[in-house]
């Protein structure tokens, strides 16, 4: 007979308050959540496939600098840099994570919205993907589980509790992550050098920005 998980056995809930953010940022995030729902519902309208009919956004989670409280806004300085809203959208079916098919319009809309001045970046994963990553102890998702703030959730089903790892596992995962990212960085540096040689400074700057920013790792 299967053992049912009681409320007492469940992993601790994530944070859900954004009271530490300025009111304008809170309003922007509320609008972002609205837009994501609107565009997702629009993408599901008239669907004949069963997975689309049952398609749901399960959670929208704020992570990164705005969830931790160390965001930067230096638009009016020589650096001209400001932090993004980083969001993880969790859906109930992996097929719904196809960015071009279901999320491109939302991304385009958020990019041009006047009432949301803060840049928005979001990634989409299924709950199974996220829970598998947490069970494996993947740093990226573990950090989100620990520091993220739930802006919306359809139900109170918690994300999995990260599984402790041995030192050997820590080393193996860190080594693989470094190798993957280092090869990516080398390729981008080659692109920077090529665009610089061809006198295409904007293209070179774009590549360098991708190189210097913290990349969001894909699920693996």
N, C-alpha and C. Protein backbone atom coordinates (compact mmCIF):
# COMPACT_ATOMS: atom_id res chain seq x y z
N UNK A 1 0.85 -1.20 0.00
CA UNK A 1 0.00 0.00 0.00
C UNK A 1 0.89 1.24 0.00
N UNK A 2 0.64 2.19 -0.90
CA UNK A 2 1.49 3.39 -0.95
C UNK A 2 1.32 4.24 0.30
N UNK A 3 2.42 4.88 0.69
CA UNK A 3 2.40 5.75 1.86
C UNK A 3 2.08 7.16 1.41
N UNK A 4 1.01 7.73 1.94
CA UNK A 4 0.63 9.08 1.56
C UNK A 4 1.46 10.09 2.34
N UNK A 5 1.87 11.15 1.64
CA UNK A 5 2.64 12.21 2.29
C UNK A 5 1.69 13.12 3.04
N UNK A 6 1.87 13.22 4.34
CA UNK A 6 1.04 14.11 5.14
C UNK A 6 1.57 15.53 5.04
N UNK A 7 0.76 16.49 5.47
CA UNK A 7 1.20 17.89 5.43
C UNK A 7 2.46 18.08 6.27
N UNK A 8 2.57 17.29 7.37
CA UNK A 8 3.73 17.40 8.24
C UNK A 8 4.99 16.93 7.53
N UNK A 9 4.85 15.95 6.60
CA UNK A 9 6.01 15.39 5.91
C UNK A 9 6.45 16.24 4.72
N UNK A 10 5.64 17.18 4.31
CA UNK A 10 5.94 17.95 3.11
C UNK A 10 7.17 18.85 3.30
N UNK A 11 7.88 19.12 2.19
CA UNK A 11 8.99 20.08 2.27
C UNK A 11 8.47 21.45 2.68
N UNK A 12 9.31 22.27 3.30
CA UNK A 12 8.86 23.60 3.72
C UNK A 12 8.46 24.45 2.53
N UNK A 13 7.45 25.31 2.70
CA UNK A 13 7.00 26.16 1.58
C UNK A 13 8.04 27.22 1.24
N UNK A 14 7.96 27.73 0.03
CA UNK A 14 8.84 28.80 -0.39
C UNK A 14 8.30 30.14 0.10
N UNK A 15 9.13 31.16 0.01
CA UNK A 15 8.70 32.50 0.39
C UNK A 15 7.67 33.00 -0.62
N UNK A 16 6.80 33.89 -0.15
CA UNK A 16 5.75 34.40 -1.04
C UNK A 16 5.57 35.92 -0.92
N UNK A 17 6.36 36.57 -0.11
CA UNK A 17 6.21 38.01 0.09
C UNK A 17 7.25 38.80 -0.70
N UNK A 18 6.79 39.87 -1.36
CA UNK A 18 7.71 40.78 -2.03
C UNK A 18 7.65 42.16 -1.37
N UNK A 19 7.34 42.16 -0.08
CA UNK A 19 7.22 43.42 0.66
C UNK A 19 8.55 44.17 0.73
N UNK A 20 9.66 43.47 0.51
CA UNK A 20 10.98 44.14 0.56
C UNK A 20 11.24 44.98 -0.69
N UNK A 21 10.42 44.82 -1.72
CA UNK A 21 10.61 45.56 -2.97
C UNK A 21 9.87 46.90 -2.93
N UNK A 22 10.38 47.90 -3.63
CA UNK A 22 9.66 49.18 -3.72
C UNK A 22 8.28 48.97 -4.35
N UNK A 23 7.31 49.79 -3.97
CA UNK A 23 5.95 49.65 -4.52
C UNK A 23 5.89 49.60 -6.04
N UNK A 24 6.72 50.39 -6.72
CA UNK A 24 6.69 50.40 -8.18
C UNK A 24 7.12 49.04 -8.74
N UNK A 25 8.08 48.38 -8.08
CA UNK A 25 8.52 47.06 -8.54
C UNK A 25 7.43 46.02 -8.26
N UNK A 26 6.74 46.16 -7.15
CA UNK A 26 5.64 45.25 -6.84
C UNK A 26 4.54 45.37 -7.89
N UNK A 27 4.23 46.60 -8.29
CA UNK A 27 3.19 46.81 -9.31
C UNK A 27 3.64 46.24 -10.66
N UNK A 28 4.91 46.42 -10.98
CA UNK A 28 5.42 45.88 -12.24
C UNK A 28 5.32 44.35 -12.26
N UNK A 29 5.69 43.72 -11.17
CA UNK A 29 5.62 42.27 -11.10
C UNK A 29 4.19 41.76 -11.21
N UNK A 30 3.26 42.46 -10.57
CA UNK A 30 1.85 42.08 -10.67
C UNK A 30 1.39 42.14 -12.12
N UNK A 31 1.82 43.16 -12.83
CA UNK A 31 1.44 43.31 -14.24
C UNK A 31 2.10 42.23 -15.09
N UNK A 32 3.34 41.91 -14.79
CA UNK A 32 4.04 40.85 -15.52
C UNK A 32 3.29 39.52 -15.38
N UNK A 33 2.89 39.20 -14.18
CA UNK A 33 2.14 37.96 -13.93
C UNK A 33 0.84 37.96 -14.74
N UNK A 34 0.16 39.08 -14.77
CA UNK A 34 -1.08 39.19 -15.55
C UNK A 34 -0.82 38.92 -17.03
N UNK A 35 0.22 39.53 -17.56
CA UNK A 35 0.54 39.37 -18.98
C UNK A 35 0.88 37.93 -19.31
N UNK A 36 1.65 37.28 -18.45
CA UNK A 36 2.01 35.88 -18.69
C UNK A 36 0.78 34.99 -18.75
N UNK A 37 -0.17 35.24 -17.85
CA UNK A 37 -1.41 34.48 -17.86
C UNK A 37 -2.24 34.78 -19.11
N UNK A 38 -2.33 36.04 -19.46
CA UNK A 38 -3.12 36.42 -20.63
C UNK A 38 -2.58 35.79 -21.90
N UNK A 39 -1.28 35.86 -22.09
CA UNK A 39 -0.69 35.32 -23.31
C UNK A 39 -0.72 33.80 -23.32
N UNK A 40 -0.59 33.18 -22.16
CA UNK A 40 -0.67 31.71 -22.10
C UNK A 40 -2.09 31.25 -22.44
N UNK A 41 -3.07 31.92 -21.87
CA UNK A 41 -4.46 31.57 -22.18
C UNK A 41 -4.77 31.77 -23.65
N UNK A 42 -4.20 32.83 -24.23
CA UNK A 42 -4.40 33.08 -25.66
C UNK A 42 -3.78 31.96 -26.50
N UNK A 43 -2.62 31.49 -26.07
CA UNK A 43 -1.95 30.41 -26.79
C UNK A 43 -2.71 29.10 -26.69
N UNK A 44 -3.48 28.93 -25.63
CA UNK A 44 -4.25 27.70 -25.42
C UNK A 44 -5.63 27.75 -26.07
N UNK A 45 -6.09 28.93 -26.44
CA UNK A 45 -7.44 29.08 -27.01
C UNK A 45 -7.61 28.27 -28.29
N UNK A 46 -8.74 27.58 -28.38
CA UNK A 46 -9.04 26.81 -29.58
C UNK A 46 -8.22 25.55 -29.73
N UNK A 47 -7.53 25.15 -28.68
CA UNK A 47 -6.66 23.98 -28.76
C UNK A 47 -7.49 22.70 -28.91
N UNK A 48 -7.02 21.80 -29.76
CA UNK A 48 -7.69 20.52 -29.92
C UNK A 48 -6.94 19.40 -29.19
N UNK A 49 -5.61 19.58 -29.05
CA UNK A 49 -4.81 18.57 -28.35
C UNK A 49 -5.18 18.54 -26.88
N UNK A 50 -5.26 17.34 -26.32
CA UNK A 50 -5.68 17.20 -24.94
C UNK A 50 -4.72 17.87 -23.96
N UNK A 51 -3.40 17.79 -24.23
CA UNK A 51 -2.44 18.39 -23.31
C UNK A 51 -2.58 19.92 -23.28
N UNK A 52 -3.04 20.50 -24.41
CA UNK A 52 -3.25 21.95 -24.42
C UNK A 52 -4.52 22.31 -23.66
N UNK A 53 -5.56 21.51 -23.83
CA UNK A 53 -6.80 21.76 -23.11
C UNK A 53 -6.58 21.73 -21.60
N UNK A 54 -5.67 20.86 -21.19
CA UNK A 54 -5.39 20.73 -19.75
C UNK A 54 -4.19 21.57 -19.33
N UNK A 55 -3.66 22.36 -20.24
CA UNK A 55 -2.47 23.14 -19.94
C UNK A 55 -2.69 24.16 -18.84
N UNK A 56 -1.78 24.20 -17.90
CA UNK A 56 -1.89 25.11 -16.76
C UNK A 56 -0.52 25.66 -16.37
N UNK A 57 -0.52 26.91 -15.94
CA UNK A 57 0.65 27.47 -15.25
C UNK A 57 0.49 27.08 -13.78
N UNK A 58 1.46 26.36 -13.25
CA UNK A 58 1.37 25.90 -11.86
C UNK A 58 2.00 26.90 -10.89
N UNK A 59 3.12 27.47 -11.28
CA UNK A 59 3.79 28.43 -10.41
C UNK A 59 4.53 29.45 -11.26
N UNK A 60 4.64 30.66 -10.73
CA UNK A 60 5.53 31.69 -11.28
C UNK A 60 6.40 32.15 -10.13
N UNK A 61 7.70 31.98 -10.28
CA UNK A 61 8.63 32.22 -9.18
C UNK A 61 9.65 33.29 -9.57
N UNK A 62 9.78 34.28 -8.72
CA UNK A 62 10.81 35.31 -8.89
C UNK A 62 12.11 34.79 -8.26
N UNK A 63 13.21 34.86 -9.02
CA UNK A 63 14.49 34.46 -8.45
C UNK A 63 15.55 35.49 -8.83
N UNK A 64 16.76 35.28 -8.38
CA UNK A 64 17.83 36.22 -8.71
C UNK A 64 17.88 37.41 -7.76
N UNK A 65 18.42 38.51 -8.26
CA UNK A 65 18.73 39.66 -7.40
C UNK A 65 17.50 40.27 -6.75
N UNK A 66 16.36 40.31 -7.45
CA UNK A 66 15.17 40.92 -6.85
C UNK A 66 14.58 40.05 -5.75
N UNK A 67 14.76 38.75 -5.82
CA UNK A 67 14.28 37.89 -4.74
C UNK A 67 15.23 37.95 -3.54
N UNK A 68 16.54 38.08 -3.82
CA UNK A 68 17.51 38.14 -2.74
C UNK A 68 17.57 39.51 -2.09
N UNK A 69 17.20 40.56 -2.84
CA UNK A 69 17.26 41.91 -2.31
C UNK A 69 18.53 42.67 -2.65
N UNK A 70 19.32 42.16 -3.61
CA UNK A 70 20.56 42.84 -3.96
C UNK A 70 20.55 43.33 -5.42
N UNK A 71 19.37 43.72 -5.89
CA UNK A 71 19.26 44.22 -7.26
C UNK A 71 19.98 45.56 -7.41
N UNK A 72 20.28 45.89 -8.67
CA UNK A 72 21.02 47.12 -8.99
C UNK A 72 20.22 47.94 -10.00
N UNK A 73 20.20 49.24 -9.81
CA UNK A 73 19.58 50.14 -10.78
C UNK A 73 20.50 51.33 -10.95
N UNK A 74 21.36 51.26 -11.98
CA UNK A 74 22.34 52.32 -12.23
C UNK A 74 22.15 52.91 -13.62
N UNK A 75 20.88 53.06 -13.99
CA UNK A 75 20.57 53.61 -15.32
C UNK A 75 21.10 55.02 -15.50
N UNK A 76 21.17 55.77 -14.41
CA UNK A 76 21.52 57.18 -14.50
C UNK A 76 23.00 57.43 -14.19
N UNK A 77 23.79 56.35 -14.19
CA UNK A 77 25.23 56.49 -13.99
C UNK A 77 25.93 56.12 -15.30
N UNK A 78 27.24 56.21 -15.29
CA UNK A 78 28.00 55.86 -16.50
C UNK A 78 27.90 54.37 -16.80
N UNK A 79 27.61 53.55 -15.79
CA UNK A 79 27.49 52.10 -16.01
C UNK A 79 26.22 51.76 -16.79
N UNK A 80 25.15 52.54 -16.55
CA UNK A 80 23.87 52.35 -17.23
C UNK A 80 23.39 50.89 -17.17
N UNK A 81 23.48 50.33 -15.97
CA UNK A 81 23.07 48.93 -15.79
C UNK A 81 21.92 48.84 -14.79
N UNK A 82 21.01 47.91 -15.03
CA UNK A 82 19.97 47.63 -14.05
C UNK A 82 19.63 46.15 -14.10
N UNK A 83 19.25 45.63 -12.96
CA UNK A 83 18.93 44.21 -12.85
C UNK A 83 17.62 43.88 -13.55
N UNK A 84 17.52 42.63 -13.97
CA UNK A 84 16.30 42.13 -14.59
C UNK A 84 15.41 41.47 -13.55
N UNK A 85 14.13 41.34 -13.88
CA UNK A 85 13.26 40.41 -13.18
C UNK A 85 13.54 39.03 -13.78
N UNK A 86 14.02 38.11 -12.97
CA UNK A 86 14.24 36.73 -13.42
C UNK A 86 13.10 35.87 -12.91
N UNK A 87 12.43 35.17 -13.81
CA UNK A 87 11.25 34.39 -13.45
C UNK A 87 11.37 32.96 -13.94
N UNK A 88 10.93 32.04 -13.11
CA UNK A 88 10.77 30.64 -13.49
C UNK A 88 9.28 30.35 -13.56
N UNK A 89 8.82 29.94 -14.74
CA UNK A 89 7.43 29.56 -14.92
C UNK A 89 7.36 28.03 -14.95
N UNK A 90 6.53 27.47 -14.10
CA UNK A 90 6.38 26.02 -14.03
C UNK A 90 5.01 25.63 -14.58
N UNK A 91 5.01 24.75 -15.57
CA UNK A 91 3.78 24.31 -16.20
C UNK A 91 3.57 22.82 -15.93
N UNK A 92 2.38 22.32 -16.28
CA UNK A 92 2.04 20.94 -15.94
C UNK A 92 2.37 19.93 -17.03
N UNK A 93 2.97 20.38 -18.12
CA UNK A 93 3.33 19.46 -19.19
C UNK A 93 4.58 19.98 -19.90
N UNK A 94 5.54 19.10 -20.10
CA UNK A 94 6.79 19.52 -20.71
C UNK A 94 6.61 20.09 -22.12
N UNK A 95 5.58 19.62 -22.82
CA UNK A 95 5.33 20.12 -24.17
C UNK A 95 5.06 21.62 -24.17
N UNK A 96 4.55 22.13 -23.06
CA UNK A 96 4.20 23.55 -22.96
C UNK A 96 5.40 24.44 -22.68
N UNK A 97 6.59 23.83 -22.61
CA UNK A 97 7.80 24.63 -22.37
C UNK A 97 8.41 25.14 -23.68
N UNK A 98 7.85 24.75 -24.81
CA UNK A 98 8.34 25.22 -26.11
C UNK A 98 8.21 26.73 -26.17
N UNK A 99 9.33 27.43 -26.14
CA UNK A 99 9.30 28.89 -26.02
C UNK A 99 8.70 29.56 -27.25
N UNK A 100 9.13 29.14 -28.41
CA UNK A 100 8.64 29.77 -29.64
C UNK A 100 7.15 29.56 -29.82
N UNK A 101 6.67 28.38 -29.50
CA UNK A 101 5.27 28.02 -29.71
C UNK A 101 4.33 28.71 -28.74
N UNK A 102 4.74 28.80 -27.45
CA UNK A 102 3.79 29.24 -26.43
C UNK A 102 4.18 30.50 -25.66
N UNK A 103 5.43 30.95 -25.78
CA UNK A 103 5.87 32.04 -24.91
C UNK A 103 6.49 33.23 -25.62
N UNK A 104 6.73 33.11 -26.91
CA UNK A 104 7.39 34.20 -27.63
C UNK A 104 6.57 35.49 -27.61
N UNK A 105 5.26 35.37 -27.76
CA UNK A 105 4.40 36.56 -27.77
C UNK A 105 4.43 37.27 -26.42
N UNK A 106 4.45 36.49 -25.35
CA UNK A 106 4.54 37.09 -24.01
C UNK A 106 5.86 37.82 -23.85
N UNK A 107 6.93 37.20 -24.34
CA UNK A 107 8.26 37.82 -24.25
C UNK A 107 8.30 39.13 -25.03
N UNK A 108 7.76 39.11 -26.24
CA UNK A 108 7.73 40.33 -27.07
C UNK A 108 6.88 41.42 -26.42
N UNK A 109 5.77 41.04 -25.88
CA UNK A 109 4.87 42.02 -25.25
C UNK A 109 5.53 42.67 -24.04
N UNK A 110 6.18 41.87 -23.21
CA UNK A 110 6.85 42.40 -22.03
C UNK A 110 8.00 43.32 -22.40
N UNK A 111 8.63 43.03 -23.52
CA UNK A 111 9.77 43.84 -23.97
C UNK A 111 9.35 45.26 -24.34
N UNK A 112 8.11 45.42 -24.79
CA UNK A 112 7.65 46.73 -25.28
C UNK A 112 6.62 47.40 -24.39
N UNK A 113 6.39 46.86 -23.20
CA UNK A 113 5.39 47.45 -22.31
C UNK A 113 5.95 48.67 -21.59
N UNK A 114 5.26 49.78 -21.71
CA UNK A 114 5.71 51.00 -21.05
C UNK A 114 5.52 50.95 -19.54
N UNK A 115 4.48 50.24 -19.09
CA UNK A 115 4.21 50.21 -17.65
C UNK A 115 5.13 49.27 -16.89
N UNK A 116 5.97 48.52 -17.61
CA UNK A 116 6.96 47.66 -16.96
C UNK A 116 8.34 48.08 -17.47
N UNK A 117 9.00 48.92 -16.72
CA UNK A 117 10.30 49.44 -17.14
C UNK A 117 11.43 48.45 -16.88
N UNK A 118 11.27 47.62 -15.87
CA UNK A 118 12.31 46.66 -15.54
C UNK A 118 12.35 45.54 -16.58
N UNK A 119 13.52 45.25 -17.15
CA UNK A 119 13.61 44.14 -18.12
C UNK A 119 13.17 42.82 -17.48
N UNK A 120 12.53 41.98 -18.26
CA UNK A 120 12.01 40.70 -17.76
C UNK A 120 12.65 39.56 -18.53
N UNK A 121 13.20 38.61 -17.81
CA UNK A 121 13.69 37.37 -18.42
C UNK A 121 12.98 36.21 -17.74
N UNK A 122 12.51 35.27 -18.52
CA UNK A 122 11.86 34.11 -17.89
C UNK A 122 12.21 32.82 -18.61
N UNK A 123 12.19 31.75 -17.86
CA UNK A 123 12.40 30.41 -18.39
C UNK A 123 11.19 29.57 -18.00
N UNK A 124 10.94 28.52 -18.76
CA UNK A 124 9.75 27.70 -18.54
C UNK A 124 10.16 26.23 -18.43
N UNK A 125 9.70 25.58 -17.38
CA UNK A 125 9.96 24.15 -17.16
C UNK A 125 8.71 23.49 -16.62
N UNK A 126 8.63 22.18 -16.81
CA UNK A 126 7.54 21.43 -16.20
C UNK A 126 7.87 21.15 -14.74
N UNK A 127 6.84 20.84 -13.96
CA UNK A 127 7.08 20.54 -12.54
C UNK A 127 7.97 19.31 -12.40
N UNK A 128 7.76 18.34 -13.27
CA UNK A 128 8.59 17.13 -13.19
C UNK A 128 10.06 17.46 -13.44
N UNK A 129 10.32 18.31 -14.43
CA UNK A 129 11.71 18.71 -14.70
C UNK A 129 12.34 19.38 -13.49
N UNK A 130 11.60 20.32 -12.90
CA UNK A 130 12.15 21.06 -11.76
C UNK A 130 12.38 20.13 -10.58
N UNK A 131 11.42 19.27 -10.28
CA UNK A 131 11.56 18.36 -9.15
C UNK A 131 12.70 17.36 -9.37
N UNK A 132 12.87 16.91 -10.62
CA UNK A 132 13.98 16.01 -10.92
C UNK A 132 15.31 16.72 -10.70
N UNK A 133 15.39 17.97 -11.16
CA UNK A 133 16.62 18.75 -10.98
C UNK A 133 16.92 18.97 -9.50
N UNK A 134 15.88 19.23 -8.71
CA UNK A 134 16.07 19.43 -7.28
C UNK A 134 16.52 18.14 -6.61
N UNK A 135 15.92 17.03 -7.00
CA UNK A 135 16.30 15.74 -6.42
C UNK A 135 17.76 15.42 -6.73
N UNK A 136 18.21 15.83 -7.91
CA UNK A 136 19.61 15.61 -8.29
C UNK A 136 20.55 16.65 -7.68
N UNK A 137 19.96 17.67 -7.05
CA UNK A 137 20.78 18.68 -6.39
C UNK A 137 21.41 19.69 -7.32
N UNK A 138 20.80 19.96 -8.48
CA UNK A 138 21.39 20.92 -9.42
C UNK A 138 21.34 22.33 -8.82
N UNK A 139 22.53 22.96 -8.82
CA UNK A 139 22.70 24.24 -8.13
C UNK A 139 21.66 25.28 -8.50
N UNK A 140 21.44 25.43 -9.79
CA UNK A 140 20.57 26.49 -10.28
C UNK A 140 19.18 26.39 -9.66
N UNK A 141 18.61 25.21 -9.70
CA UNK A 141 17.27 25.03 -9.16
C UNK A 141 17.25 24.99 -7.63
N UNK A 142 18.32 24.49 -7.05
CA UNK A 142 18.42 24.51 -5.58
C UNK A 142 18.41 25.94 -5.07
N UNK A 143 19.14 26.83 -5.76
CA UNK A 143 19.16 28.24 -5.37
C UNK A 143 17.77 28.86 -5.50
N UNK A 144 17.06 28.52 -6.56
CA UNK A 144 15.71 29.05 -6.73
C UNK A 144 14.79 28.54 -5.63
N UNK A 145 14.93 27.26 -5.31
CA UNK A 145 14.10 26.67 -4.24
C UNK A 145 14.36 27.36 -2.91
N UNK A 146 15.60 27.74 -2.67
CA UNK A 146 15.98 28.35 -1.40
C UNK A 146 15.66 29.84 -1.35
N UNK A 147 15.98 30.59 -2.42
CA UNK A 147 15.88 32.04 -2.40
C UNK A 147 14.69 32.61 -3.16
N UNK A 148 14.04 31.79 -3.99
CA UNK A 148 12.97 32.29 -4.84
C UNK A 148 11.72 32.69 -4.06
N UNK A 149 10.89 33.50 -4.72
CA UNK A 149 9.64 33.98 -4.12
C UNK A 149 8.49 33.62 -5.07
N UNK A 150 7.50 32.93 -4.55
CA UNK A 150 6.37 32.52 -5.36
C UNK A 150 5.44 33.71 -5.58
N UNK A 151 5.27 34.10 -6.83
CA UNK A 151 4.37 35.20 -7.17
C UNK A 151 2.97 34.69 -7.48
N UNK A 152 2.90 33.46 -7.95
CA UNK A 152 1.61 32.84 -8.26
C UNK A 152 1.76 31.34 -8.14
N UNK A 153 0.73 30.67 -7.63
CA UNK A 153 0.70 29.21 -7.68
C UNK A 153 -0.74 28.74 -7.74
N UNK A 154 -0.95 27.73 -8.57
CA UNK A 154 -2.28 27.19 -8.78
C UNK A 154 -2.73 26.35 -7.60
N UNK A 155 -1.78 25.63 -7.00
CA UNK A 155 -2.09 24.79 -5.84
C UNK A 155 -0.96 24.92 -4.83
N UNK A 156 -1.09 24.22 -3.72
CA UNK A 156 -0.07 24.33 -2.68
C UNK A 156 0.91 23.16 -2.70
N UNK A 157 0.98 22.48 -3.84
CA UNK A 157 1.92 21.37 -3.97
C UNK A 157 3.35 21.91 -3.95
N UNK A 158 4.15 21.57 -2.95
CA UNK A 158 5.51 22.14 -2.86
C UNK A 158 6.46 21.49 -3.84
N UNK A 159 7.51 22.21 -4.17
CA UNK A 159 8.57 21.63 -4.98
C UNK A 159 9.38 20.67 -4.12
N UNK A 160 10.06 19.76 -4.78
CA UNK A 160 10.83 18.74 -4.06
C UNK A 160 11.92 19.37 -3.20
N UNK A 161 12.27 18.66 -2.16
CA UNK A 161 13.37 19.09 -1.30
C UNK A 161 14.68 18.65 -1.93
N UNK A 162 15.66 19.56 -2.06
CA UNK A 162 16.96 19.17 -2.66
C UNK A 162 17.60 18.02 -1.91
N UNK A 163 18.19 17.11 -2.66
CA UNK A 163 18.84 15.94 -2.07
C UNK A 163 20.29 16.26 -1.74
N UNK A 164 20.72 15.97 -0.51
CA UNK A 164 22.14 16.21 -0.16
C UNK A 164 23.06 15.38 -1.05
N UNK A 165 24.23 15.93 -1.37
CA UNK A 165 25.16 15.23 -2.24
C UNK A 165 26.50 15.04 -1.54
N UNK A 166 27.20 14.00 -1.95
CA UNK A 166 28.53 13.74 -1.41
C UNK A 166 29.52 14.72 -2.03
N UNK A 167 30.70 14.81 -1.44
CA UNK A 167 31.74 15.69 -1.98
C UNK A 167 32.14 15.26 -3.39
N UNK A 168 32.14 13.93 -3.62
CA UNK A 168 32.48 13.42 -4.94
C UNK A 168 31.45 13.87 -5.98
N UNK A 169 30.17 13.82 -5.61
CA UNK A 169 29.11 14.26 -6.52
C UNK A 169 29.22 15.76 -6.78
N UNK A 170 29.51 16.52 -5.72
CA UNK A 170 29.67 17.97 -5.86
C UNK A 170 30.77 18.28 -6.87
N UNK A 171 31.89 17.58 -6.74
CA UNK A 171 33.02 17.82 -7.64
C UNK A 171 32.67 17.44 -9.07
N UNK A 172 32.02 16.30 -9.26
CA UNK A 172 31.69 15.82 -10.60
C UNK A 172 30.75 16.80 -11.30
N UNK A 173 29.73 17.27 -10.60
CA UNK A 173 28.77 18.20 -11.19
C UNK A 173 29.42 19.55 -11.48
N UNK A 174 30.24 20.03 -10.53
CA UNK A 174 30.92 21.32 -10.74
C UNK A 174 31.88 21.25 -11.93
N UNK A 175 32.57 20.13 -12.06
CA UNK A 175 33.52 19.95 -13.18
C UNK A 175 32.77 19.94 -14.51
N UNK A 176 31.66 19.23 -14.58
CA UNK A 176 30.88 19.17 -15.82
C UNK A 176 30.32 20.55 -16.17
N UNK A 177 29.84 21.26 -15.14
CA UNK A 177 29.30 22.60 -15.37
C UNK A 177 30.38 23.53 -15.91
N UNK A 178 31.56 23.46 -15.32
CA UNK A 178 32.67 24.30 -15.78
C UNK A 178 33.04 23.98 -17.22
N UNK A 179 33.14 22.71 -17.55
CA UNK A 179 33.52 22.31 -18.91
C UNK A 179 32.49 22.79 -19.93
N UNK A 180 31.21 22.65 -19.59
CA UNK A 180 30.16 23.09 -20.51
C UNK A 180 30.21 24.60 -20.71
N UNK A 181 30.32 25.35 -19.62
CA UNK A 181 30.30 26.80 -19.71
C UNK A 181 31.59 27.36 -20.31
N UNK A 182 32.71 26.68 -20.05
CA UNK A 182 33.98 27.18 -20.59
C UNK A 182 33.99 27.07 -22.11
N UNK A 183 33.51 25.94 -22.64
CA UNK A 183 33.47 25.79 -24.09
C UNK A 183 32.52 26.82 -24.72
N UNK A 184 31.42 27.11 -24.02
CA UNK A 184 30.48 28.12 -24.49
C UNK A 184 31.15 29.49 -24.51
N UNK A 185 31.93 29.81 -23.47
CA UNK A 185 32.62 31.10 -23.38
C UNK A 185 33.68 31.23 -24.47
N UNK A 186 34.40 30.15 -24.74
CA UNK A 186 35.43 30.18 -25.79
C UNK A 186 34.80 30.47 -27.15
N UNK A 187 33.65 29.83 -27.41
CA UNK A 187 32.97 30.05 -28.68
C UNK A 187 32.51 31.50 -28.81
N UNK A 188 32.01 32.08 -27.73
CA UNK A 188 31.58 33.47 -27.76
C UNK A 188 32.76 34.42 -27.96
N UNK A 189 33.88 34.10 -27.35
CA UNK A 189 35.07 34.93 -27.55
C UNK A 189 35.52 34.89 -29.00
N UNK A 190 35.38 33.73 -29.64
CA UNK A 190 35.70 33.64 -31.06
C UNK A 190 34.79 34.57 -31.87
N UNK A 191 33.49 34.60 -31.48
CA UNK A 191 32.54 35.49 -32.17
C UNK A 191 32.90 36.96 -31.96
N UNK A 192 33.30 37.29 -30.73
CA UNK A 192 33.70 38.67 -30.42
C UNK A 192 34.89 39.07 -31.30
N UNK A 193 35.88 38.18 -31.39
CA UNK A 193 37.07 38.47 -32.18
C UNK A 193 36.72 38.65 -33.66
N UNK A 194 35.83 37.79 -34.17
CA UNK A 194 35.44 37.87 -35.57
C UNK A 194 34.71 39.18 -35.88
N UNK A 195 33.75 39.55 -35.04
CA UNK A 195 33.00 40.79 -35.28
C UNK A 195 33.89 42.02 -35.14
N UNK A 196 34.85 41.94 -34.22
CA UNK A 196 35.79 43.06 -34.05
C UNK A 196 36.65 43.21 -35.30
N UNK A 197 37.11 42.08 -35.82
CA UNK A 197 37.94 42.10 -37.04
C UNK A 197 37.16 42.63 -38.22
N UNK A 198 35.86 42.33 -38.28
CA UNK A 198 35.01 42.76 -39.39
C UNK A 198 34.44 44.17 -39.17
N UNK A 199 34.87 44.82 -38.09
CA UNK A 199 34.42 46.17 -37.76
C UNK A 199 32.90 46.21 -37.53
N UNK A 200 32.43 45.26 -36.74
CA UNK A 200 31.02 45.22 -36.37
C UNK A 200 30.93 45.34 -34.84
N UNK A 201 31.14 46.54 -34.32
CA UNK A 201 31.22 46.72 -32.87
C UNK A 201 29.94 46.36 -32.12
N UNK A 202 28.78 46.60 -32.71
CA UNK A 202 27.53 46.29 -32.02
C UNK A 202 27.36 44.78 -31.85
N UNK A 203 27.72 44.04 -32.89
CA UNK A 203 27.64 42.59 -32.80
C UNK A 203 28.64 42.06 -31.76
N UNK A 204 29.82 42.64 -31.77
CA UNK A 204 30.84 42.23 -30.81
C UNK A 204 30.39 42.53 -29.37
N UNK A 205 29.79 43.70 -29.18
CA UNK A 205 29.31 44.07 -27.85
C UNK A 205 28.20 43.14 -27.38
N UNK A 206 27.33 42.75 -28.31
CA UNK A 206 26.24 41.84 -27.97
C UNK A 206 26.79 40.49 -27.50
N UNK A 207 27.77 39.98 -28.20
CA UNK A 207 28.39 38.71 -27.80
C UNK A 207 29.09 38.84 -26.46
N UNK A 208 29.78 39.97 -26.28
CA UNK A 208 30.51 40.17 -25.03
C UNK A 208 29.56 40.30 -23.84
N UNK A 209 28.39 40.90 -24.08
CA UNK A 209 27.39 41.02 -23.01
C UNK A 209 26.92 39.64 -22.59
N UNK A 210 26.66 38.78 -23.55
CA UNK A 210 26.24 37.41 -23.24
C UNK A 210 27.34 36.67 -22.49
N UNK A 211 28.59 36.98 -22.84
CA UNK A 211 29.72 36.32 -22.20
C UNK A 211 29.90 36.76 -20.76
N UNK A 212 29.70 38.05 -20.51
CA UNK A 212 29.97 38.60 -19.19
C UNK A 212 28.80 38.47 -18.22
N UNK A 213 27.59 38.26 -18.75
CA UNK A 213 26.44 38.11 -17.87
C UNK A 213 26.35 36.68 -17.37
N UNK A 214 25.62 36.50 -16.28
CA UNK A 214 25.47 35.16 -15.72
C UNK A 214 24.45 34.39 -16.55
N UNK A 215 24.89 33.37 -17.29
CA UNK A 215 23.95 32.64 -18.13
C UNK A 215 23.01 31.78 -17.30
N UNK A 216 21.80 31.59 -17.81
CA UNK A 216 20.85 30.71 -17.17
C UNK A 216 21.05 29.32 -17.75
N UNK A 217 21.46 28.35 -16.94
CA UNK A 217 21.72 27.03 -17.49
C UNK A 217 20.44 26.32 -17.89
N UNK A 218 20.49 25.58 -18.99
CA UNK A 218 19.31 24.82 -19.38
C UNK A 218 19.15 23.62 -18.51
N UNK A 219 17.95 23.07 -18.52
CA UNK A 219 17.73 21.83 -17.78
C UNK A 219 18.46 20.70 -18.48
N UNK A 220 19.11 19.85 -17.71
CA UNK A 220 19.80 18.71 -18.30
C UNK A 220 19.61 17.49 -17.41
